[in-house]
Amino acid sequence: MKLYIVSETESGCDNIDGIYFLITEFGEVIDYHVCSNTRYAWEDLVENSQMIPNLTGDIEVLFLGKDNMTSEELHRRNQDFYAKKETQS
């Protein structure tokens, strides 16, 4: 499974002093943290993660923009994921 580190910007790829999210390729937000830049986002969301060890299977963590996933597609998957979850409740 791929996990994406996404900054709270329109592109999701900018190096910011702000909120970063860790989102699965299916659109589920599994963690977030306020960080001063991408280096700290990696440390906080990956190296010091309390969520990743609970996941099963092969995990690949990428910054959004490092493969063919776009912010638009990840946003669509996020909306779909939570819409399905809402209907299951």
PDB file of N, CA and C in Angstrom:
ATOM      1  N   MET A   1       0.850  -1.172   0.000  1.00  0.00           N
ATOM      2  CA  MET A   1       0.000   0.000   0.000  1.00  0.00           C
ATOM      3  C   MET A   1       0.894   1.232   0.000  1.00  0.00           C
ATOM      4  N   LYS A   2       0.470   2.217  -0.752  1.00  0.00           N
ATOM      5  CA  LYS A   2       1.181   3.492  -0.767  1.00  0.00           C
ATOM      6  C   LYS A   2       0.543   4.446   0.230  1.00  0.00           C
ATOM      7  N   LEU A   3       1.404   5.181   0.913  1.00  0.00           N
ATOM      8  CA  LEU A   3       0.983   6.263   1.790  1.00  0.00           C
ATOM      9  C   LEU A   3       1.608   7.534   1.264  1.00  0.00           C
ATOM     10  N   TYR A   4       0.828   8.598   1.278  1.00  0.00           N
ATOM     11  CA  TYR A   4       1.301   9.880   0.761  1.00  0.00           C
ATOM     12  C   TYR A   4       1.372  10.912   1.869  1.00  0.00           C
ATOM     13  N   ILE A   5       2.485  11.643   1.896  1.00  0.00           N
ATOM     14  CA  ILE A   5       2.601  12.809   2.757  1.00  0.00           C
ATOM     15  C   ILE A   5       2.163  13.993   1.914  1.00  0.00           C
ATOM     16  N   VAL A   6       1.166  14.704   2.420  1.00  0.00           N
ATOM     17  CA  VAL A   6       0.523  15.761   1.652  1.00  0.00           C
ATOM     18  C   VAL A   6       0.511  17.037   2.501  1.00  0.00           C
ATOM     19  N   SER A   7       1.000  18.131   1.939  1.00  0.00           N
ATOM     20  CA  SER A   7       0.949  19.403   2.660  1.00  0.00           C
ATOM     21  C   SER A   7      -0.405  20.064   2.449  1.00  0.00           C
ATOM     22  N   GLU A   8      -0.773  20.908   3.389  1.00  0.00           N
ATOM     23  CA  GLU A   8      -2.069  21.592   3.316  1.00  0.00           C
ATOM     24  C   GLU A   8      -1.965  22.789   2.364  1.00  0.00           C
ATOM     25  N   THR A   9      -1.756  22.469   1.098  1.00  0.00           N
ATOM     26  CA  THR A   9      -1.712  23.464   0.033  1.00  0.00           C
ATOM     27  C   THR A   9      -2.566  22.946  -1.115  1.00  0.00           C
ATOM     28  N   GLU A  10      -2.827  23.796  -2.084  1.00  0.00           N
ATOM     29  CA  GLU A  10      -3.661  23.376  -3.214  1.00  0.00           C
ATOM     30  C   GLU A  10      -3.047  22.191  -3.957  1.00  0.00           C
ATOM     31  N   SER A  11      -1.743  22.235  -4.174  1.00  0.00           N
ATOM     32  CA  SER A  11      -1.083  21.145  -4.891  1.00  0.00           C
ATOM     33  C   SER A  11      -0.803  19.946  -3.996  1.00  0.00           C
ATOM     34  N   GLY A  12      -0.744  20.186  -2.681  1.00  0.00           N
ATOM     35  CA  GLY A  12      -0.412  19.125  -1.746  1.00  0.00           C
ATOM     36  C   GLY A  12       1.063  18.781  -1.724  1.00  0.00           C
ATOM     37  N   CYS A  13       1.844  19.485  -2.545  1.00  0.00           N
ATOM     38  CA  CYS A  13       3.261  19.156  -2.717  1.00  0.00           C
ATOM     39  C   CYS A  13       4.213  20.205  -2.154  1.00  0.00           C
ATOM     40  N   ASP A  14       3.697  21.347  -1.761  1.00  0.00           N
ATOM     41  CA  ASP A  14       4.579  22.447  -1.360  1.00  0.00           C
ATOM     42  C   ASP A  14       5.203  22.209   0.004  1.00  0.00           C
ATOM     43  N   ASN A  15       6.447  22.669   0.147  1.00  0.00           N
ATOM     44  CA  ASN A  15       7.174  22.618   1.413  1.00  0.00           C
ATOM     45  C   ASN A  15       6.712  23.817   2.233  1.00  0.00           C
ATOM     46  N   ILE A  16       5.963  23.559   3.299  1.00  0.00           N
ATOM     47  CA  ILE A  16       5.361  24.649   4.063  1.00  0.00           C
ATOM     48  C   ILE A  16       5.650  24.512   5.553  1.00  0.00           C
ATOM     49  N   ASP A  17       5.387  25.566   6.264  1.00  0.00           N
ATOM     50  CA  ASP A  17       5.325  25.552   7.717  1.00  0.00           C
ATOM     51  C   ASP A  17       3.835  25.461   8.022  1.00  0.00           C
ATOM     52  N   GLY A  18       3.350  24.251   8.270  1.00  0.00           N
ATOM     53  CA  GLY A  18       1.917  24.062   8.442  1.00  0.00           C
ATOM     54  C   GLY A  18       1.559  22.606   8.633  1.00  0.00           C
ATOM     55  N   ILE A  19       0.353  22.255   8.256  1.00  0.00           N
ATOM     56  CA  ILE A  19      -0.158  20.904   8.480  1.00  0.00           C
ATOM     57  C   ILE A  19       0.209  19.984   7.313  1.00  0.00           C
ATOM     58  N   TYR A  20       0.674  18.792   7.685  1.00  0.00           N
ATOM     59  CA  TYR A  20       0.944  17.720   6.740  1.00  0.00           C
ATOM     60  C   TYR A  20       0.071  16.536   7.118  1.00  0.00           C
ATOM     61  N   PHE A  21      -0.427  15.843   6.109  1.00  0.00           N
ATOM     62  CA  PHE A  21      -1.293  14.691   6.311  1.00  0.00           C
ATOM     63  C   PHE A  21      -0.607  13.439   5.782  1.00  0.00           C
ATOM     64  N   LEU A  22      -0.903  12.301   6.402  1.00  0.00           N
ATOM     65  CA  LEU A  22      -0.488  11.003   5.890  1.00  0.00           C
ATOM     66  C   LEU A  22      -1.760  10.315   5.423  1.00  0.00           C
ATOM     67  N   ILE A  23      -1.847  10.077   4.110  1.00  0.00           N
ATOM     68  CA  ILE A  23      -3.078   9.583   3.489  1.00  0.00           C
ATOM     69  C   ILE A  23      -2.768   8.323   2.692  1.00  0.00           C
ATOM     70  N   THR A  24      -3.616   7.301   2.857  1.00  0.00           N
ATOM     71  CA  THR A  24      -3.427   6.073   2.087  1.00  0.00           C
ATOM     72  C   THR A  24      -3.804   6.305   0.627  1.00  0.00           C
ATOM     73  N   GLU A  25      -3.372   5.407  -0.223  1.00  0.00           N
ATOM     74  CA  GLU A  25      -3.721   5.500  -1.642  1.00  0.00           C
ATOM     75  C   GLU A  25      -5.226   5.358  -1.866  1.00  0.00           C
ATOM     76  N   PHE A  26      -5.948   4.900  -0.843  1.00  0.00           N
ATOM     77  CA  PHE A  26      -7.397   4.755  -0.925  1.00  0.00           C
ATOM     78  C   PHE A  26      -8.133   5.995  -0.438  1.00  0.00           C
ATOM     79  N   GLY A  27      -7.385   6.974   0.087  1.00  0.00           N
ATOM     80  CA  GLY A  27      -7.984   8.232   0.509  1.00  0.00           C
ATOM     81  C   GLY A  27      -8.206   8.380   1.996  1.00  0.00           C
ATOM     82  N   GLU A  28      -7.836   7.384   2.785  1.00  0.00           N
ATOM     83  CA  GLU A  28      -8.037   7.474   4.232  1.00  0.00           C
ATOM     84  C   GLU A  28      -6.918   8.283   4.876  1.00  0.00           C
ATOM     85  N   VAL A  29      -7.284   9.295   5.636  1.00  0.00           N
ATOM     86  CA  VAL A  29      -6.308  10.066   6.399  1.00  0.00           C
ATOM     87  C   VAL A  29      -5.996   9.274   7.660  1.00  0.00           C
ATOM     88  N   ILE A  30      -4.730   8.877   7.811  1.00  0.00           N
ATOM     89  CA  ILE A  30      -4.399   8.076   8.988  1.00  0.00           C
ATOM     90  C   ILE A  30      -3.611   8.856  10.033  1.00  0.00           C
ATOM     91  N   ASP A  31      -3.104  10.031   9.669  1.00  0.00           N
ATOM     92  CA  ASP A  31      -2.389  10.849  10.648  1.00  0.00           C
ATOM     93  C   ASP A  31      -2.178  12.241  10.064  1.00  0.00           C
ATOM     94  N   TYR A  32      -1.876  13.178  10.937  1.00  0.00           N
ATOM     95  CA  TYR A  32      -1.509  14.530  10.505  1.00  0.00           C
ATOM     96  C   TYR A  32      -0.656  15.148  11.589  1.00  0.00           C
ATOM     97  N   HIS A  33       0.108  16.170  11.205  1.00  0.00           N
ATOM     98  CA  HIS A  33       0.982  16.823  12.167  1.00  0.00           C
ATOM     99  C   HIS A  33       1.330  18.212  11.643  1.00  0.00           C
ATOM    100  N   VAL A  34       1.485  19.159  12.554  1.00  0.00           N
ATOM    101  CA  VAL A  34       1.963  20.491  12.188  1.00  0.00           C
ATOM    102  C   VAL A  34       3.487  20.431  12.188  1.00  0.00           C
ATOM    103  N   CYS A  35       4.089  20.795  11.051  1.00  0.00           N
ATOM    104  CA  CYS A  35       5.541  20.717  10.889  1.00  0.00           C
ATOM    105  C   CYS A  35       6.052  21.979  10.213  1.00  0.00           C
ATOM    106  N   SER A  36       7.302  22.306  10.465  1.00  0.00           N
ATOM    107  CA  SER A  36       7.870  23.522   9.873  1.00  0.00           C
ATOM    108  C   SER A  36       8.388  23.305   8.461  1.00  0.00           C
ATOM    109  N   ASN A  37       8.576  22.050   8.039  1.00  0.00           N
ATOM    110  CA  ASN A  37       8.981  21.766   6.655  1.00  0.00           C
ATOM    111  C   ASN A  37       8.853  20.266   6.379  1.00  0.00           C
ATOM    112  N   THR A  38       9.145  19.868   5.146  1.00  0.00           N
ATOM    113  CA  THR A  38       8.938  18.472   4.742  1.00  0.00           C
ATOM    114  C   THR A  38       9.843  17.503   5.496  1.00  0.00           C
ATOM    115  N   ARG A  39      11.038  17.934   5.850  1.00  0.00           N
ATOM    116  CA  ARG A  39      11.943  17.041   6.586  1.00  0.00           C
ATOM    117  C   ARG A  39      11.313  16.623   7.909  1.00  0.00           C
ATOM    118  N   TYR A  40      10.752  17.592   8.625  1.00  0.00           N
ATOM    119  CA  TYR A  40      10.098  17.270   9.891  1.00  0.00           C
ATOM    120  C   TYR A  40       8.797  16.505   9.671  1.00  0.00           C
ATOM    121  N   ALA A  41       8.135  16.762   8.561  1.00  0.00           N
ATOM    122  CA  ALA A  41       6.925  15.992   8.248  1.00  0.00           C
ATOM    123  C   ALA A  41       7.275  14.518   8.114  1.00  0.00           C
ATOM    124  N   TRP A  42       8.376  14.220   7.438  1.00  0.00           N
ATOM    125  CA  TRP A  42       8.815  12.826   7.295  1.00  0.00           C
ATOM    126  C   TRP A  42       9.121  12.220   8.661  1.00  0.00           C
ATOM    127  N   GLU A  43       9.869  12.950   9.469  1.00  0.00           N
ATOM    128  CA  GLU A  43      10.216  12.446  10.805  1.00  0.00           C
ATOM    129  C   GLU A  43       8.962  12.183  11.643  1.00  0.00           C
ATOM    130  N   ASP A  44       8.051  13.149  11.674  1.00  0.00           N
ATOM    131  CA  ASP A  44       6.865  13.033  12.527  1.00  0.00           C
ATOM    132  C   ASP A  44       5.858  12.017  12.019  1.00  0.00           C
ATOM    133  N   LEU A  45       5.652  11.967  10.708  1.00  0.00           N
ATOM    134  CA  LEU A  45       4.606  11.103  10.153  1.00  0.00           C
ATOM    135  C   LEU A  45       5.086   9.704   9.778  1.00  0.00           C
ATOM    136  N   VAL A  46       6.396   9.541   9.604  1.00  0.00           N
ATOM    137  CA  VAL A  46       6.910   8.235   9.181  1.00  0.00           C
ATOM    138  C   VAL A  46       7.823   7.634  10.248  1.00  0.00           C
ATOM    139  N   GLU A  47       8.927   8.305  10.522  1.00  0.00           N
ATOM    140  CA  GLU A  47       9.912   7.739  11.451  1.00  0.00           C
ATOM    141  C   GLU A  47       9.361   7.586  12.865  1.00  0.00           C
ATOM    142  N   ASN A  48       8.536   8.520  13.313  1.00  0.00           N
ATOM    143  CA  ASN A  48       7.983   8.468  14.666  1.00  0.00           C
ATOM    144  C   ASN A  48       6.511   8.069  14.672  1.00  0.00           C
ATOM    145  N   SER A  49       6.074   7.447  13.596  1.00  0.00           N
ATOM    146  CA  SER A  49       4.662   7.112  13.438  1.00  0.00           C
ATOM    147  C   SER A  49       4.195   6.065  14.443  1.00  0.00           C
ATOM    148  N   GLN A  50       3.034   6.322  14.995  1.00  0.00           N
ATOM    149  CA  GLN A  50       2.377   5.319  15.814  1.00  0.00           C
ATOM    150  C   GLN A  50       1.309   4.589  14.990  1.00  0.00           C
ATOM    151  N   MET A  51       1.035   5.080  13.771  1.00  0.00           N
ATOM    152  CA  MET A  51      -0.001   4.499  12.925  1.00  0.00           C
ATOM    153  C   MET A  51       0.559   3.457  11.951  1.00  0.00           C
ATOM    154  N   ILE A  52       1.698   3.726  11.343  1.00  0.00           N
ATOM    155  CA  ILE A  52       2.249   2.837  10.324  1.00  0.00           C
ATOM    156  C   ILE A  52       2.481   1.417  10.857  1.00  0.00           C
ATOM    157  N   PRO A  53       3.005   1.244  12.077  1.00  0.00           N
ATOM    158  CA  PRO A  53       3.203  -0.131  12.559  1.00  0.00           C
ATOM    159  C   PRO A  53       1.913  -0.951  12.655  1.00  0.00           C
ATOM    160  N   ASN A  54       0.760  -0.296  12.697  1.00  0.00           N
ATOM    161  CA  ASN A  54      -0.518  -1.009  12.766  1.00  0.00           C
ATOM    162  C   ASN A  54      -1.020  -1.464  11.399  1.00  0.00           C
ATOM    163  N   LEU A  55      -0.364  -1.024  10.333  1.00  0.00           N
ATOM    164  CA  LEU A  55      -0.783  -1.393   8.981  1.00  0.00           C
ATOM    165  C   LEU A  55      -0.148  -2.714   8.584  1.00  0.00           C
ATOM    166  N   THR A  56      -0.821  -3.451   7.722  1.00  0.00           N
ATOM    167  CA  THR A  56      -0.297  -4.737   7.276  1.00  0.00           C
ATOM    168  C   THR A  56       0.109  -4.659   5.812  1.00  0.00           C
ATOM    169  N   GLY A  57       0.969  -5.561   5.409  1.00  0.00           N
ATOM    170  CA  GLY A  57       1.405  -5.623   4.022  1.00  0.00           C
ATOM    171  C   GLY A  57       2.580  -4.714   3.754  1.00  0.00           C
ATOM    172  N   ASP A  58       2.956  -4.663   2.488  1.00  0.00           N
ATOM    173  CA  ASP A  58       4.069  -3.809   2.081  1.00  0.00           C
ATOM    174  C   ASP A  58       3.623  -2.357   2.081  1.00  0.00           C
ATOM    175  N   ILE A  59       4.397  -1.497   2.708  1.00  0.00           N
ATOM    176  CA  ILE A  59       4.079  -0.081   2.808  1.00  0.00           C
ATOM    177  C   ILE A  59       5.159   0.712   2.097  1.00  0.00           C
ATOM    178  N   GLU A  60       4.741   1.621   1.244  1.00  0.00           N
ATOM    179  CA  GLU A  60       5.649   2.550   0.576  1.00  0.00           C
ATOM    180  C   GLU A  60       5.150   3.958   0.892  1.00  0.00           C
ATOM    181  N   VAL A  61       6.036   4.789   1.426  1.00  0.00           N
ATOM    182  CA  VAL A  61       5.659   6.154   1.771  1.00  0.00           C
ATOM    183  C   VAL A  61       6.331   7.110   0.801  1.00  0.00           C
ATOM    184  N   LEU A  62       5.517   7.992   0.221  1.00  0.00           N
ATOM    185  CA  LEU A  62       6.004   8.975  -0.752  1.00  0.00           C
ATOM    186  C   LEU A  62       5.446  10.352  -0.422  1.00  0.00           C
ATOM    187  N   PHE A  63       6.185  11.367  -0.804  1.00  0.00           N
ATOM    188  CA  PHE A  63       5.601  12.702  -0.809  1.00  0.00           C
ATOM    189  C   PHE A  63       4.725  12.789  -2.051  1.00  0.00           C
ATOM    190  N   LEU A  64       3.561  13.391  -1.911  1.00  0.00           N
ATOM    191  CA  LEU A  64       2.696  13.582  -3.075  1.00  0.00           C
ATOM    192  C   LEU A  64       3.491  14.325  -4.145  1.00  0.00           C
ATOM    193  N   GLY A  65       3.371  13.855  -5.374  1.00  0.00           N
ATOM    194  CA  GLY A  65       4.110  14.454  -6.484  1.00  0.00           C
ATOM    195  C   GLY A  65       5.319  13.635  -6.908  1.00  0.00           C
ATOM    196  N   LYS A  66       5.655  12.593  -6.143  1.00  0.00           N
ATOM    197  CA  LYS A  66       6.814  11.760  -6.469  1.00  0.00           C
ATOM    198  C   LYS A  66       6.451  10.557  -7.334  1.00  0.00           C
ATOM    199  N   ASP A  67       5.167  10.388  -7.628  1.00  0.00           N
ATOM    200  CA  ASP A  67       4.731   9.376  -8.595  1.00  0.00           C
ATOM    201  C   ASP A  67       3.580   9.983  -9.393  1.00  0.00           C
ATOM    202  N   ASN A  68       2.735   9.174  -9.981  1.00  0.00           N
ATOM    203  CA  ASN A  68       1.686   9.715 -10.847  1.00  0.00           C
ATOM    204  C   ASN A  68       0.409  10.125 -10.111  1.00  0.00           C
ATOM    205  N   MET A  69       0.360   9.984  -8.781  1.00  0.00           N
ATOM    206  CA  MET A  69      -0.816  10.410  -8.019  1.00  0.00           C
ATOM    207  C   MET A  69      -0.872  11.942  -8.002  1.00  0.00           C
ATOM    208  N   THR A  70      -2.050  12.476  -8.281  1.00  0.00           N
ATOM    209  CA  THR A  70      -2.233  13.926  -8.246  1.00  0.00           C
ATOM    210  C   THR A  70      -3.047  14.320  -7.013  1.00  0.00           C
ATOM    211  N   SER A  71      -2.991  15.573  -6.660  1.00  0.00           N
ATOM    212  CA  SER A  71      -3.784  16.044  -5.522  1.00  0.00           C
ATOM    213  C   SER A  71      -5.267  15.905  -5.827  1.00  0.00           C
ATOM    214  N   GLU A  72      -5.656  16.129  -7.077  1.00  0.00           N
ATOM    215  CA  GLU A  72      -7.059  16.004  -7.465  1.00  0.00           C
ATOM    216  C   GLU A  72      -7.554  14.570  -7.298  1.00  0.00           C
ATOM    217  N   GLU A  73      -6.744  13.610  -7.746  1.00  0.00           N
ATOM    218  CA  GLU A  73      -7.131  12.206  -7.643  1.00  0.00           C
ATOM    219  C   GLU A  73      -7.166  11.760  -6.177  1.00  0.00           C
ATOM    220  N   LEU A  74      -6.191  12.154  -5.399  1.00  0.00           N
ATOM    221  CA  LEU A  74      -6.177  11.769  -3.989  1.00  0.00           C
ATOM    222  C   LEU A  74      -7.351  12.402  -3.247  1.00  0.00           C
ATOM    223  N   HIS A  75      -7.694  13.631  -3.606  1.00  0.00           N
ATOM    224  CA  HIS A  75      -8.851  14.296  -3.002  1.00  0.00           C
ATOM    225  C   HIS A  75     -10.143  13.547  -3.354  1.00  0.00           C
ATOM    226  N   ARG A  76     -10.274  13.124  -4.606  1.00  0.00           N
ATOM    227  CA  ARG A  76     -11.456  12.357  -5.028  1.00  0.00           C
ATOM    228  C   ARG A  76     -11.547  11.045  -4.257  1.00  0.00           C
ATOM    229  N   ARG A  77     -10.410  10.367  -4.117  1.00  0.00           N
ATOM    230  CA  ARG A  77     -10.403   9.104  -3.371  1.00  0.00           C
ATOM    231  C   ARG A  77     -10.751   9.335  -1.902  1.00  0.00           C
ATOM    232  N   ASN A  78     -10.290  10.450  -1.355  1.00  0.00           N
ATOM    233  CA  ASN A  78     -10.602  10.803   0.030  1.00  0.00           C
ATOM    234  C   ASN A  78     -12.099  11.007   0.203  1.00  0.00           C
ATOM    235  N   GLN A  79     -12.708  11.744  -0.711  1.00  0.00           N
ATOM    236  CA  GLN A  79     -14.152  11.966  -0.638  1.00  0.00           C
ATOM    237  C   GLN A  79     -14.915  10.655  -0.783  1.00  0.00           C
ATOM    238  N   ASP A  80     -14.503   9.810  -1.712  1.00  0.00           N
ATOM    239  CA  ASP A  80     -15.154   8.511  -1.919  1.00  0.00           C
ATOM    240  C   ASP A  80     -15.008   7.626  -0.686  1.00  0.00           C
ATOM    241  N   PHE A  81     -13.818   7.600  -0.106  1.00  0.00           N
ATOM    242  CA  PHE A  81     -13.568   6.752   1.065  1.00  0.00           C
ATOM    243  C   PHE A  81     -14.517   7.110   2.202  1.00  0.00           C
ATOM    244  N   TYR A  82     -14.617   8.408   2.507  1.00  0.00           N
ATOM    245  CA  TYR A  82     -15.448   8.813   3.638  1.00  0.00           C
ATOM    246  C   TYR A  82     -16.944   8.783   3.315  1.00  0.00           C
ATOM    247  N   ALA A  83     -17.307   8.935   2.046  1.00  0.00           N
ATOM    248  CA  ALA A  83     -18.718   8.792   1.653  1.00  0.00           C
ATOM    249  C   ALA A  83     -19.152   7.337   1.857  1.00  0.00           C
ATOM    250  N   LYS A  84     -18.308   6.385   1.463  1.00  0.00           N
ATOM    251  CA  LYS A  84     -18.618   4.967   1.648  1.00  0.00           C
ATOM    252  C   LYS A  84     -18.695   4.634   3.135  1.00  0.00           C
ATOM    253  N   LYS A  85     -17.780   5.184   3.893  1.00  0.00           N
ATOM    254  CA  LYS A  85     -17.746   4.920   5.334  1.00  0.00           C
ATOM    255  C   LYS A  85     -19.005   5.445   6.012  1.00  0.00           C
ATOM    256  N   GLU A  86     -19.484   6.602   5.543  1.00  0.00           N
ATOM    257  CA  GLU A  86     -20.689   7.204   6.106  1.00  0.00           C
ATOM    258  C   GLU A  86     -21.928   6.346   5.816  1.00  0.00           C
ATOM    259  N   THR A  87     -21.997   5.792   4.624  1.00  0.00           N
ATOM    260  CA  THR A  87     -23.160   4.973   4.266  1.00  0.00           C
ATOM    261  C   THR A  87     -23.137   3.624   4.978  1.00  0.00           C
ATOM    262  N   GLN A  88     -21.964   3.187   5.395  1.00  0.00           N
ATOM    263  CA  GLN A  88     -21.840   1.910   6.106  1.00  0.00           C
ATOM    264  C   GLN A  88     -22.212   2.063   7.584  1.00  0.00           C
ATOM    265  N   SER A  89     -22.234   3.283   8.084  1.00  0.00           N
ATOM    266  CA  SER A  89     -22.527   3.510   9.511  1.00  0.00           C
ATOM    267  C   SER A  89     -24.001   3.402   9.815  1.00  0.00           C
TER     268      SER A  89
END
